[in-house]
Amino acid sequence: MTSLDTFRTVASVGAALGIVAILAPATGGRSAAPRRAAGLATTVAAWALLAGSLVTTHDLHRAADKLHSPLRAGAAIVGVVVAVVVGVLLVRLVVRRPSAFFVLLALALPVRIPITFGAQQANLLVPLYAVILIGIAGWVWGRARGRFGEEGEGGTPIDLPLGAFVAFSLVSLLWSDDIQQGTIKIVFFYIPFVLLYRLVVAWWREAKEALRALTVTTMAMAAPVALLAIGQYATRTIWWNDTLKQGNVYNRFFRANGIFYDPNILGRYLVLAILATVAVAWVTRSGRRLALLGALGALYTGGLIVTFSRSSALELVIGLALLAWRAFGWKRTVLVGGAALVVLGLAAIAGSHQVRHLVTSEKRLSKVSEGRTRLVRGGFDIWKDAPVAGTGIGSFAKRYKETLTQRQQRRTRVFISHNAPITVLTELGAVGFALFIALGVSTVLWIWRSSRAKDAAAWAQWTLLAMLIGIFVHSLLYSALFEDPYTWVIAGAAIAIGLVRAVQEVSEPAPVPTEPLPAT
């Protein structure tokens, strides 16, 4: 292990301790605010140190070369000053109008910026990281000025399993077979998204229009994204993905990717927009608004179709089935859904030799799934070598590649796991997988029970639960469960709605009886 790797592992342990300090519940009746503030400072500091460790001397030399010209150096200084001024203004805005935080969040969630660091290229959620920092700064500033109470920093029902799972994931960098990739996952996903989850819950309690801001902005953003995807399909244009561009040359159909790197992520995003549209339409009584929602739903569906994403189509089916379950009851949903599945399935099998071959041939299934079944088997084989604690965060691709011959490596296009639970099992072992199951079950059960009421807030919770389960199903074929910020935002929003309702029920005075109480 190099000195850089040692530095990264120490910083990851520091981040794990900081996250535990943030999420651990209060004990002994004492205020947890000082501990959580210290945990936040520790986590942010570790995040900055780990991010800095990914910057190479080549990156520094390249930046210095670009700033060698006085004109470019001056432009860079002006850009930094403008960014700081805009950041300060946005912090002041969200402190005064907390709903603005959710507008900024919905605008930033789908936007990815192509970034090159070291020898790697990636499409990173740079605007989202900026919004997270704005949210942290705004909350700290608001607390210092007495605008926000300590209630926003209170715990949530999944803090314990969430803290345990994330802390164990970060600590597993100590024994990871690929510390570089593990650090990348920690810096760009785990640390910022845990902070994002806590920010969503905290700001939700201060923003009266949080749900409306998040929903309307998301639906408004999805419309041009869907139009762009349809335009790409019509013009046969692909952005930011040379592999997809080359694949479209040989595929029978052209797949659009919109503003995303991958068509499957575009499909996942549009499915969330469709589910939000259906949920809003269900509680809408205005004819004009229903017509607008219908047009938007058709537009999103058109964008989804040109992705040709089978995992996204399955996500949509699951999400709609759950919405139907709540709207019409589970008996009618199962009866109608099951009948439709049987009729359509039998028709497809009877009318297509390809479908019959697919459901009867494991080799054909592996080919259609682009090697996903082979990746799953490979993940189980890797897990057998380290069954208890796994091979460490970020290690799946390296370990899987080592199991292949040179000829197999040349013929294999994908080395990363396309199944989130298998990735967890492989990298974190039985311990991490048990923590993963505990986190998932506790999250789903709490939201399920909290959404039993018959009001609009409960319907919103159920819709968010349908989205969350849909993303999980999508991750079984594509992965990107914890790497998707929508997972954390949706979970945070659903839990925050239930927490706000519980506070309101406690604060409401008991009704005064209008008739004398019966004698006892």
Protein backbone atom coordinates (compact mmCIF):
# COMPACT_ATOMS: atom_id res chain seq x y z
CA MET A 1 0.00 0.00 0.00
CA THR A 2 1.41 3.37 -1.04
CA SER A 3 1.46 6.46 1.15
CA LEU A 4 -1.38 7.91 -0.95
CA ASP A 5 -3.47 4.81 -0.36
CA THR A 6 -2.76 5.02 3.37
CA PHE A 7 -3.87 8.65 3.38
CA ARG A 8 -7.09 7.73 1.58
CA THR A 9 -7.94 4.91 3.97
CA VAL A 10 -7.35 7.12 7.01
CA ALA A 11 -9.53 9.86 5.51
CA SER A 12 -12.28 7.33 4.71
CA VAL A 13 -12.28 6.14 8.33
CA GLY A 14 -12.55 9.78 9.42
CA ALA A 15 -15.51 10.25 7.10
CA ALA A 16 -17.14 7.11 8.52
CA LEU A 17 -16.77 8.46 12.06
CA GLY A 18 -18.21 11.79 10.97
CA ILE A 19 -21.24 10.14 9.38
CA VAL A 20 -21.83 8.04 12.50
CA ALA A 21 -21.71 11.24 14.57
CA ILE A 22 -24.31 12.84 12.28
CA LEU A 23 -26.70 9.90 12.24
CA ALA A 24 -26.36 8.48 15.75
CA PRO A 25 -29.48 9.18 17.85
CA ALA A 26 -29.47 11.42 20.90
CA THR A 27 -29.05 9.64 24.24
CA GLY A 28 -29.62 10.60 27.85
CA GLY A 29 -31.90 13.50 26.99
CA ARG A 30 -28.94 15.60 25.87
CA SER A 31 -28.91 17.71 22.74
CA ALA A 32 -27.21 15.98 19.81
CA ALA A 33 -26.63 19.26 17.95
CA PRO A 34 -22.96 19.76 19.02
CA ARG A 35 -22.06 16.18 18.13
CA ARG A 36 -23.80 16.41 14.78
CA ALA A 37 -22.10 19.73 14.02
CA ALA A 38 -18.72 18.17 14.76
CA GLY A 39 -19.65 15.15 12.63
CA LEU A 40 -20.64 17.42 9.74
CA ALA A 41 -17.35 19.32 9.94
CA THR A 42 -15.38 16.05 10.04
CA THR A 43 -17.30 14.56 7.13
CA VAL A 44 -16.93 17.63 4.91
CA ALA A 45 -13.21 17.88 5.71
CA ALA A 46 -12.67 14.20 4.87
CA TRP A 47 -14.69 14.65 1.69
CA ALA A 48 -12.43 17.53 0.61
CA LEU A 49 -9.25 15.61 1.44
CA LEU A 50 -10.35 12.50 -0.46
CA ALA A 51 -11.40 14.60 -3.46
CA GLY A 52 -8.03 16.33 -3.40
CA SER A 53 -6.27 12.96 -3.39
CA LEU A 54 -7.80 12.18 -6.80
CA VAL A 55 -6.10 15.19 -8.39
CA THR A 56 -2.86 14.10 -10.05
CA THR A 57 0.28 16.07 -10.87
CA HIS A 58 -0.75 15.75 -14.52
CA ASP A 59 -4.01 17.54 -13.74
CA LEU A 60 -2.10 20.31 -11.96
CA HIS A 61 0.36 20.72 -14.83
CA ARG A 62 -2.47 20.84 -17.33
CA ALA A 63 -4.29 23.47 -15.29
CA ALA A 64 -1.08 25.49 -14.97
CA ASP A 65 -0.58 25.33 -18.73
CA LYS A 66 -4.08 26.62 -19.33
CA LEU A 67 -3.54 29.49 -16.88
CA HIS A 68 -0.14 30.41 -18.30
CA SER A 69 -1.71 33.12 -20.42
CA PRO A 70 -2.52 36.33 -18.45
CA LEU A 71 -5.86 36.52 -20.26
CA ARG A 72 -6.86 33.03 -19.19
CA ALA A 73 -5.62 33.59 -15.65
CA GLY A 74 -7.68 36.77 -15.41
CA ALA A 75 -10.74 34.98 -16.78
CA ALA A 76 -10.27 32.21 -14.22
CA ILE A 77 -10.09 34.73 -11.36
CA VAL A 78 -13.22 36.47 -12.61
CA GLY A 79 -14.97 33.11 -12.88
CA VAL A 80 -14.08 32.19 -9.31
CA VAL A 81 -15.28 35.56 -8.00
CA VAL A 82 -18.56 35.28 -9.91
CA ALA A 83 -19.07 31.73 -8.62
CA VAL A 84 -18.51 32.84 -5.02
CA VAL A 85 -20.89 35.80 -5.38
CA VAL A 86 -23.58 33.62 -6.97
CA GLY A 87 -23.09 31.03 -4.25
CA VAL A 88 -23.52 33.61 -1.49
CA LEU A 89 -26.66 34.97 -3.14
CA LEU A 90 -28.12 31.47 -3.46
CA VAL A 91 -27.34 30.73 0.19
CA ARG A 92 -29.19 33.89 1.22
CA LEU A 93 -32.08 32.90 -1.06
CA VAL A 94 -32.54 29.42 0.40
CA VAL A 95 -32.33 30.78 3.97
CA ARG A 96 -35.10 33.27 3.24
CA ARG A 97 -37.15 30.93 1.06
CA PRO A 98 -36.35 27.30 1.93
CA SER A 99 -38.49 26.01 -0.98
CA ALA A 100 -35.85 27.47 -3.31
CA PHE A 101 -33.48 24.73 -2.12
CA PHE A 102 -35.76 22.10 -3.68
CA VAL A 103 -36.06 24.05 -6.92
CA LEU A 104 -32.26 24.18 -7.17
CA LEU A 105 -32.10 20.50 -6.24
CA ALA A 106 -34.55 19.42 -8.95
CA LEU A 107 -32.68 21.52 -11.52
CA ALA A 108 -29.31 20.04 -10.59
CA LEU A 109 -30.21 16.36 -10.10
CA PRO A 110 -30.16 15.26 -13.76
CA VAL A 111 -27.30 17.50 -14.95
CA ARG A 112 -23.92 15.85 -15.46
CA ILE A 113 -20.77 17.64 -16.61
CA PRO A 114 -17.99 15.79 -18.53
CA ILE A 115 -14.84 16.00 -16.39
CA THR A 116 -11.34 14.60 -16.95
CA PHE A 117 -9.11 13.88 -13.96
CA GLY A 118 -5.98 11.81 -14.17
CA ALA A 119 -6.41 9.28 -16.94
CA GLN A 120 -10.16 8.95 -16.39
CA GLN A 121 -13.13 10.68 -17.94
CA ALA A 122 -16.50 10.84 -16.23
CA ASN A 123 -19.80 12.68 -16.33
CA LEU A 124 -20.08 14.08 -12.83
CA LEU A 125 -22.94 15.68 -10.93
CA VAL A 126 -21.01 18.93 -10.45
CA PRO A 127 -24.13 21.18 -10.16
CA LEU A 128 -25.59 18.82 -7.55
CA TYR A 129 -22.42 18.94 -5.45
CA ALA A 130 -22.67 22.74 -5.58
CA VAL A 131 -26.30 22.60 -4.40
CA ILE A 132 -25.29 20.28 -1.53
CA LEU A 133 -22.66 22.79 -0.42
CA ILE A 134 -25.21 25.62 -0.72
CA GLY A 135 -27.64 23.61 1.39
CA ILE A 136 -25.00 22.97 4.07
CA ALA A 137 -23.88 26.61 4.13
CA GLY A 138 -27.47 27.85 4.20
CA TRP A 139 -28.42 25.55 7.06
CA VAL A 140 -25.35 26.50 9.14
CA TRP A 141 -25.99 30.19 8.48
CA GLY A 142 -29.71 29.88 9.27
CA ARG A 143 -28.99 28.07 12.54
CA ALA A 144 -26.40 30.68 13.52
CA ARG A 145 -28.92 33.48 12.90
CA GLY A 146 -31.65 31.66 14.81
CA ARG A 147 -33.92 31.20 11.78
CA PHE A 148 -34.06 27.43 12.11
CA GLY A 149 -34.70 25.40 15.22
CA GLU A 150 -32.92 22.29 16.36
CA GLU A 151 -35.87 20.16 15.19
CA GLY A 152 -34.52 20.09 11.65
CA GLU A 153 -31.42 18.29 12.87
CA GLY A 154 -33.43 15.59 14.60
CA GLY A 155 -33.04 11.95 13.73
CA THR A 156 -34.95 9.89 11.19
CA PRO A 157 -36.26 6.31 11.47
CA ILE A 158 -33.53 4.86 9.23
CA ASP A 159 -30.54 6.70 10.70
CA LEU A 160 -29.14 3.63 12.49
CA PRO A 161 -29.20 1.19 9.53
CA LEU A 162 -28.12 3.96 7.15
CA GLY A 163 -25.20 5.01 9.33
CA ALA A 164 -24.11 1.40 9.85
CA PHE A 165 -24.21 0.55 6.15
CA VAL A 166 -22.46 3.70 4.92
CA ALA A 167 -19.82 3.62 7.67
CA PHE A 168 -19.01 -0.03 6.93
CA SER A 169 -18.82 0.77 3.19
CA LEU A 170 -16.35 3.59 3.82
CA VAL A 171 -14.23 1.56 6.25
CA SER A 172 -14.04 -1.29 3.71
CA LEU A 173 -11.59 0.87 1.75
CA LEU A 174 -9.03 -0.46 4.25
CA TRP A 175 -9.10 -3.88 2.56
CA SER A 176 -10.28 -2.90 -0.92
CA ASP A 177 -8.49 -4.44 -3.89
CA ASP A 178 -8.96 -1.19 -5.84
CA ILE A 179 -8.47 1.81 -3.55
CA GLN A 180 -8.59 4.23 -6.49
CA GLN A 181 -12.08 3.14 -7.58
CA GLY A 182 -13.22 2.84 -3.99
CA THR A 183 -12.15 6.42 -3.34
CA ILE A 184 -14.03 7.58 -6.43
CA LYS A 185 -17.23 5.92 -5.18
CA ILE A 186 -16.81 7.46 -1.74
CA VAL A 187 -16.05 10.97 -3.02
CA PHE A 188 -18.67 11.24 -5.73
CA PHE A 189 -21.49 9.16 -4.26
CA TYR A 190 -21.47 7.95 -0.67
CA ILE A 191 -20.32 11.02 1.27
CA PRO A 192 -22.23 13.70 -0.69
CA PHE A 193 -25.41 11.64 -0.96
CA VAL A 194 -25.60 10.89 2.76
CA LEU A 195 -25.31 14.63 3.35
CA LEU A 196 -27.96 15.14 0.65
CA TYR A 197 -30.36 12.80 2.44
CA ARG A 198 -29.97 14.69 5.70
CA LEU A 199 -30.35 18.04 3.93
CA VAL A 200 -33.60 16.95 2.27
CA VAL A 201 -35.07 15.94 5.63
CA ALA A 202 -33.86 19.10 7.39
CA TRP A 203 -34.93 21.59 4.73
CA TRP A 204 -38.27 19.82 4.21
CA ARG A 205 -39.36 20.79 7.71
CA GLU A 206 -38.65 24.46 6.92
CA ALA A 207 -40.09 24.58 3.39
CA LYS A 208 -43.89 24.67 3.17
CA GLU A 209 -43.88 24.07 -0.60
CA ALA A 210 -41.07 21.50 -0.78
CA LEU A 211 -43.14 18.79 -2.50
CA ARG A 212 -44.65 21.19 -5.02
CA ALA A 213 -41.25 22.75 -5.82
CA LEU A 214 -39.59 19.37 -6.31
CA THR A 215 -42.44 17.90 -8.39
CA VAL A 216 -43.14 20.85 -10.67
CA THR A 217 -39.47 21.55 -11.36
CA THR A 218 -38.76 17.88 -12.09
CA MET A 219 -41.68 17.64 -14.52
CA ALA A 220 -40.65 20.90 -16.19
CA MET A 221 -37.06 19.69 -16.58
CA ALA A 222 -38.13 16.31 -17.97
CA ALA A 223 -40.07 17.88 -20.87
CA PRO A 224 -37.06 19.35 -22.76
CA VAL A 225 -35.01 16.27 -21.87
CA ALA A 226 -37.64 14.03 -23.53
CA LEU A 227 -37.82 16.37 -26.55
CA LEU A 228 -34.05 16.22 -26.85
CA ALA A 229 -34.10 12.41 -26.79
CA ILE A 230 -36.75 12.31 -29.50
CA GLY A 231 -34.71 14.81 -31.53
CA GLN A 232 -31.61 12.65 -31.13
CA TYR A 233 -33.53 9.65 -32.39
CA ALA A 234 -34.85 11.59 -35.38
CA THR A 235 -31.41 12.97 -36.33
CA ARG A 236 -29.39 9.92 -35.24
CA THR A 237 -27.24 12.07 -32.95
CA ILE A 238 -25.46 10.88 -29.78
CA TRP A 239 -23.60 12.97 -27.23
CA TRP A 240 -20.83 12.10 -24.76
CA ASN A 241 -20.82 8.34 -25.32
CA ASP A 242 -18.57 7.02 -28.08
CA THR A 243 -19.32 3.42 -27.09
CA LEU A 244 -23.05 3.95 -27.56
CA LYS A 245 -22.41 5.82 -30.80
CA GLN A 246 -20.42 2.86 -32.15
CA GLY A 247 -22.99 0.39 -30.86
CA ASN A 248 -25.81 2.21 -32.66
CA VAL A 249 -24.00 1.61 -35.94
CA TYR A 250 -24.46 -2.14 -35.57
CA ASN A 251 -27.69 -2.31 -33.56
CA ARG A 252 -31.05 -2.92 -35.17
CA PHE A 253 -32.40 0.14 -33.36
CA PHE A 254 -30.97 3.52 -32.41
CA ARG A 255 -30.84 4.37 -28.69
CA ALA A 256 -30.95 7.98 -27.50
CA ASN A 257 -29.19 9.14 -24.33
CA GLY A 258 -30.39 12.74 -23.99
CA ILE A 259 -28.32 14.70 -21.49
CA PHE A 260 -27.14 11.50 -19.81
CA TYR A 261 -24.23 9.23 -20.58
CA ASP A 262 -26.36 6.10 -20.71
CA PRO A 263 -29.83 5.50 -22.23
CA ASN A 264 -30.80 3.45 -19.18
CA ILE A 265 -30.29 6.42 -16.87
CA LEU A 266 -32.31 8.60 -19.24
CA GLY A 267 -35.03 5.96 -19.12
CA ARG A 268 -34.94 5.83 -15.31
CA TYR A 269 -35.26 9.61 -15.15
CA LEU A 270 -38.23 9.72 -17.53
CA VAL A 271 -39.96 6.91 -15.64
CA LEU A 272 -39.80 9.02 -12.48
CA ALA A 273 -41.37 11.91 -14.41
CA ILE A 274 -44.13 9.64 -15.73
CA LEU A 275 -44.94 8.31 -12.25
CA ALA A 276 -45.05 11.86 -10.87
CA THR A 277 -47.39 12.90 -13.70
CA VAL A 278 -49.75 9.96 -13.09
CA ALA A 279 -49.79 10.66 -9.34
CA VAL A 280 -50.59 14.34 -9.84
CA ALA A 281 -53.27 13.51 -12.41
CA TRP A 282 -54.98 11.13 -9.97
CA VAL A 283 -55.66 13.96 -7.49
CA THR A 284 -56.42 16.62 -10.12
CA ARG A 285 -59.98 17.61 -10.96
CA SER A 286 -59.32 20.41 -13.46
CA GLY A 287 -59.96 19.39 -17.07
CA ARG A 288 -57.31 21.74 -18.45
CA ARG A 289 -54.72 20.53 -16.01
CA LEU A 290 -55.51 16.90 -16.84
CA ALA A 291 -55.07 17.67 -20.55
CA LEU A 292 -51.68 19.26 -19.84
CA LEU A 293 -50.62 16.32 -17.69
CA GLY A 294 -51.73 13.91 -20.43
CA ALA A 295 -49.64 15.76 -23.01
CA LEU A 296 -46.61 15.74 -20.71
CA GLY A 297 -47.05 12.04 -20.00
CA ALA A 298 -47.18 11.30 -23.72
CA LEU A 299 -44.02 13.35 -24.26
CA TYR A 300 -42.15 11.55 -21.48
CA THR A 301 -43.31 8.20 -22.86
CA GLY A 302 -42.03 9.11 -26.31
CA GLY A 303 -38.64 9.94 -24.83
CA LEU A 304 -38.66 6.66 -22.89
CA ILE A 305 -39.45 4.63 -26.00
CA VAL A 306 -36.41 5.89 -27.94
CA THR A 307 -34.09 4.79 -25.13
CA PHE A 308 -35.05 1.14 -25.80
CA SER A 309 -34.26 0.53 -22.12
CA ARG A 310 -35.82 -2.74 -20.98
CA SER A 311 -34.83 -2.14 -17.36
CA SER A 312 -36.60 1.23 -17.44
CA ALA A 313 -39.72 -0.35 -18.95
CA LEU A 314 -39.76 -2.86 -16.09
CA GLU A 315 -39.30 -0.01 -13.61
CA LEU A 316 -42.32 1.76 -15.12
CA VAL A 317 -44.48 -1.37 -14.89
CA ILE A 318 -43.57 -1.86 -11.22
CA GLY A 319 -44.20 1.80 -10.39
CA LEU A 320 -47.57 1.92 -12.14
CA ALA A 321 -48.60 -1.36 -10.50
CA LEU A 322 -47.88 0.09 -7.06
CA LEU A 323 -49.82 3.26 -7.82
CA ALA A 324 -52.73 1.13 -9.05
CA TRP A 325 -52.50 -0.96 -5.89
CA ARG A 326 -53.06 2.14 -3.76
CA ALA A 327 -55.69 3.67 -6.06
CA PHE A 328 -57.80 0.57 -6.83
CA GLY A 329 -56.82 -2.01 -4.22
CA TRP A 330 -54.46 -4.95 -4.44
CA LYS A 331 -57.08 -7.50 -5.51
CA ARG A 332 -58.14 -5.66 -8.67
CA THR A 333 -54.55 -4.71 -9.44
CA VAL A 334 -53.33 -8.30 -9.18
CA LEU A 335 -56.32 -9.63 -11.17
CA VAL A 336 -56.08 -7.13 -14.03
CA GLY A 337 -52.28 -7.04 -14.07
CA GLY A 338 -51.95 -10.80 -13.93
CA ALA A 339 -54.49 -11.31 -16.71
CA ALA A 340 -52.75 -8.74 -18.92
CA LEU A 341 -49.37 -10.33 -18.24
CA VAL A 342 -50.62 -13.80 -19.15
CA VAL A 343 -52.41 -12.67 -22.32
CA LEU A 344 -49.57 -10.51 -23.59
CA GLY A 345 -46.93 -13.06 -22.59
CA LEU A 346 -48.65 -15.95 -24.34
CA ALA A 347 -49.21 -13.81 -27.42
CA ALA A 348 -45.54 -12.83 -27.52
CA ILE A 349 -44.38 -16.43 -27.07
CA ALA A 350 -46.78 -17.71 -29.72
CA GLY A 351 -45.98 -15.00 -32.23
CA SER A 352 -42.21 -14.73 -31.96
CA HIS A 353 -39.54 -17.39 -32.27
CA GLN A 354 -37.07 -14.95 -30.65
CA VAL A 355 -39.23 -14.67 -27.52
CA ARG A 356 -39.65 -18.45 -27.28
CA HIS A 357 -35.88 -18.86 -27.66
CA LEU A 358 -35.28 -16.21 -25.00
CA VAL A 359 -37.42 -17.85 -22.30
CA THR A 360 -36.07 -21.34 -22.97
CA SER A 361 -32.35 -20.71 -23.58
CA GLU A 362 -29.95 -19.53 -20.88
CA LYS A 363 -27.34 -18.75 -23.55
CA ARG A 364 -29.81 -16.55 -25.42
CA LEU A 365 -30.84 -14.86 -22.17
CA SER A 366 -27.21 -14.06 -21.37
CA LYS A 367 -26.70 -12.61 -24.86
CA VAL A 368 -29.84 -10.45 -24.73
CA SER A 369 -28.91 -9.24 -21.24
CA GLU A 370 -25.47 -8.22 -22.58
CA GLY A 371 -23.64 -10.57 -20.24
CA ARG A 372 -25.46 -9.62 -17.05
CA THR A 373 -26.09 -13.21 -16.02
CA ARG A 374 -22.37 -13.93 -16.41
CA LEU A 375 -21.59 -10.90 -14.24
CA VAL A 376 -23.92 -12.18 -11.53
CA ARG A 377 -22.24 -15.59 -11.54
CA GLY A 378 -18.85 -13.90 -11.47
CA GLY A 379 -19.94 -11.84 -8.48
CA PHE A 380 -20.89 -14.96 -6.54
CA ASP A 381 -17.54 -16.55 -7.39
CA ILE A 382 -15.66 -13.48 -6.12
CA TRP A 383 -17.75 -13.42 -2.94
CA LYS A 384 -16.73 -16.99 -2.13
CA ASP A 385 -13.12 -15.77 -1.79
CA ALA A 386 -14.08 -13.17 0.85
CA PRO A 387 -17.48 -14.20 2.22
CA VAL A 388 -17.50 -12.25 5.50
CA ALA A 389 -16.29 -8.71 4.80
CA GLY A 390 -16.04 -8.80 1.00
CA THR A 391 -13.27 -7.50 -1.24
CA GLY A 392 -13.78 -3.84 -0.34
CA ILE A 393 -15.64 -0.94 -1.90
CA GLY A 394 -14.94 -0.32 -5.59
CA SER A 395 -13.19 -3.65 -6.16
CA PHE A 396 -15.75 -5.56 -8.26
CA ALA A 397 -14.47 -4.59 -11.72
CA LYS A 398 -10.83 -5.36 -10.93
CA ARG A 399 -11.58 -8.69 -9.29
CA TYR A 400 -13.99 -9.75 -12.03
CA LYS A 401 -11.47 -8.87 -14.73
CA GLU A 402 -8.86 -11.00 -13.00
CA THR A 403 -11.14 -14.05 -13.30
CA LEU A 404 -11.12 -13.83 -17.11
CA THR A 405 -8.51 -15.00 -19.58
CA GLN A 406 -6.81 -12.50 -21.88
CA ARG A 407 -9.05 -13.63 -24.74
CA GLN A 408 -12.18 -13.23 -22.60
CA GLN A 409 -11.06 -9.77 -21.48
CA ARG A 410 -10.71 -8.65 -25.10
CA ARG A 411 -14.20 -9.91 -25.91
CA THR A 412 -15.88 -8.50 -22.80
CA ARG A 413 -17.34 -5.01 -23.00
CA VAL A 414 -18.51 -4.62 -19.39
CA PHE A 415 -16.61 -5.39 -16.19
CA ILE A 416 -18.70 -3.46 -13.67
CA SER A 417 -21.57 -5.27 -11.99
CA HIS A 418 -25.04 -4.53 -13.33
CA ASN A 419 -26.78 -5.77 -10.19
CA ALA A 420 -26.69 -3.63 -7.04
CA PRO A 421 -27.25 -6.43 -4.46
CA ILE A 422 -24.54 -8.57 -6.09
CA THR A 423 -22.16 -5.61 -5.97
CA VAL A 424 -22.86 -5.15 -2.26
CA LEU A 425 -22.43 -8.87 -1.57
CA THR A 426 -19.16 -9.01 -3.48
CA GLU A 427 -17.58 -5.83 -2.13
CA LEU A 428 -18.95 -5.84 1.44
CA GLY A 429 -19.50 -9.54 2.09
CA ALA A 430 -22.15 -11.08 4.31
CA VAL A 431 -21.77 -8.31 6.90
CA GLY A 432 -22.37 -5.52 4.40
CA PHE A 433 -25.15 -7.44 2.69
CA ALA A 434 -26.96 -7.91 6.03
CA LEU A 435 -26.66 -4.17 6.68
CA PHE A 436 -27.95 -3.52 3.16
CA ILE A 437 -31.01 -5.72 3.73
CA ALA A 438 -31.68 -4.07 7.10
CA LEU A 439 -31.51 -0.61 5.51
CA GLY A 440 -33.80 -1.52 2.61
CA VAL A 441 -36.40 -3.33 4.70
CA SER A 442 -36.55 -0.64 7.39
CA THR A 443 -36.90 2.12 4.79
CA VAL A 444 -39.68 0.42 2.84
CA LEU A 445 -41.61 -0.70 5.93
CA TRP A 446 -41.51 2.71 7.59
CA ILE A 447 -42.70 4.55 4.48
CA TRP A 448 -45.34 1.86 3.86
CA ARG A 449 -46.77 2.18 7.35
CA SER A 450 -46.52 5.97 7.41
CA SER A 451 -48.47 6.28 4.14
CA ARG A 452 -51.58 4.44 5.37
CA ALA A 453 -53.50 7.67 5.89
CA LYS A 454 -56.08 8.77 3.32
CA ASP A 455 -54.81 12.31 2.76
CA ALA A 456 -52.81 13.87 -0.09
CA ALA A 457 -49.57 13.65 1.88
CA ALA A 458 -49.96 9.87 2.22
CA TRP A 459 -50.61 9.57 -1.53
CA ALA A 460 -47.40 11.54 -2.14
CA GLN A 461 -45.51 9.20 0.21
CA TRP A 462 -46.87 6.16 -1.59
CA THR A 463 -45.85 7.62 -4.95
CA LEU A 464 -42.33 8.20 -3.66
CA LEU A 465 -42.27 4.63 -2.36
CA ALA A 466 -43.32 3.37 -5.80
CA MET A 467 -40.46 5.38 -7.33
CA LEU A 468 -37.99 4.03 -4.79
CA ILE A 469 -38.99 0.41 -5.38
CA GLY A 470 -38.90 1.05 -9.14
CA ILE A 471 -35.32 2.32 -8.89
CA PHE A 472 -34.37 -0.78 -6.91
CA VAL A 473 -35.86 -3.05 -9.57
CA HIS A 474 -33.99 -1.05 -12.22
CA SER A 475 -30.77 -1.52 -10.23
CA LEU A 476 -31.15 -5.30 -10.45
CA LEU A 477 -30.44 -5.00 -14.18
CA TYR A 478 -28.33 -1.84 -14.30
CA SER A 479 -27.00 -1.27 -10.76
CA ALA A 480 -26.53 2.42 -9.75
CA LEU A 481 -28.71 2.19 -6.64
CA PHE A 482 -26.62 4.14 -4.15
CA GLU A 483 -24.88 5.98 -6.98
CA ASP A 484 -28.17 7.55 -8.07
CA PRO A 485 -28.96 10.76 -6.14
CA TYR A 486 -32.67 10.25 -6.77
CA THR A 487 -32.56 7.21 -4.45
CA TRP A 488 -31.45 9.41 -1.57
CA VAL A 489 -33.71 12.38 -2.39
CA ILE A 490 -36.83 10.22 -2.80
CA ALA A 491 -36.15 8.32 0.44
CA GLY A 492 -35.49 11.56 2.29
CA ALA A 493 -38.63 13.23 0.94
CA ALA A 494 -40.88 10.26 1.78
CA ILE A 495 -39.55 10.05 5.32
CA ALA A 496 -39.71 13.82 5.81
CA ILE A 497 -43.40 13.88 4.86
CA GLY A 498 -44.14 11.29 7.54
CA LEU A 499 -42.08 13.13 10.15
CA VAL A 500 -43.82 16.44 9.42
CA ARG A 501 -47.24 14.75 9.67
CA ALA A 502 -46.29 13.21 13.03
CA VAL A 503 -45.23 16.61 14.40
CA GLN A 504 -48.47 18.19 13.19
CA GLU A 505 -50.58 15.46 14.80
CA VAL A 506 -48.80 15.92 18.13
CA SER A 507 -49.05 19.73 18.03
CA GLU A 508 -52.78 19.80 17.15
CA PRO A 509 -54.98 20.29 20.27
CA ALA A 510 -57.44 17.58 21.19
CA PRO A 511 -60.99 18.26 19.95
CA VAL A 512 -63.39 19.76 22.50
CA PRO A 513 -66.44 17.50 23.02
CA THR A 514 -69.77 19.09 22.06
CA GLU A 515 -71.79 16.78 24.32
CA PRO A 516 -71.33 15.83 27.97
CA LEU A 517 -69.10 12.83 28.52
CA PRO A 518 -70.92 9.70 29.72
CA ALA A 519 -70.66 8.89 33.41
CA THR A 520 -68.17 6.22 34.34
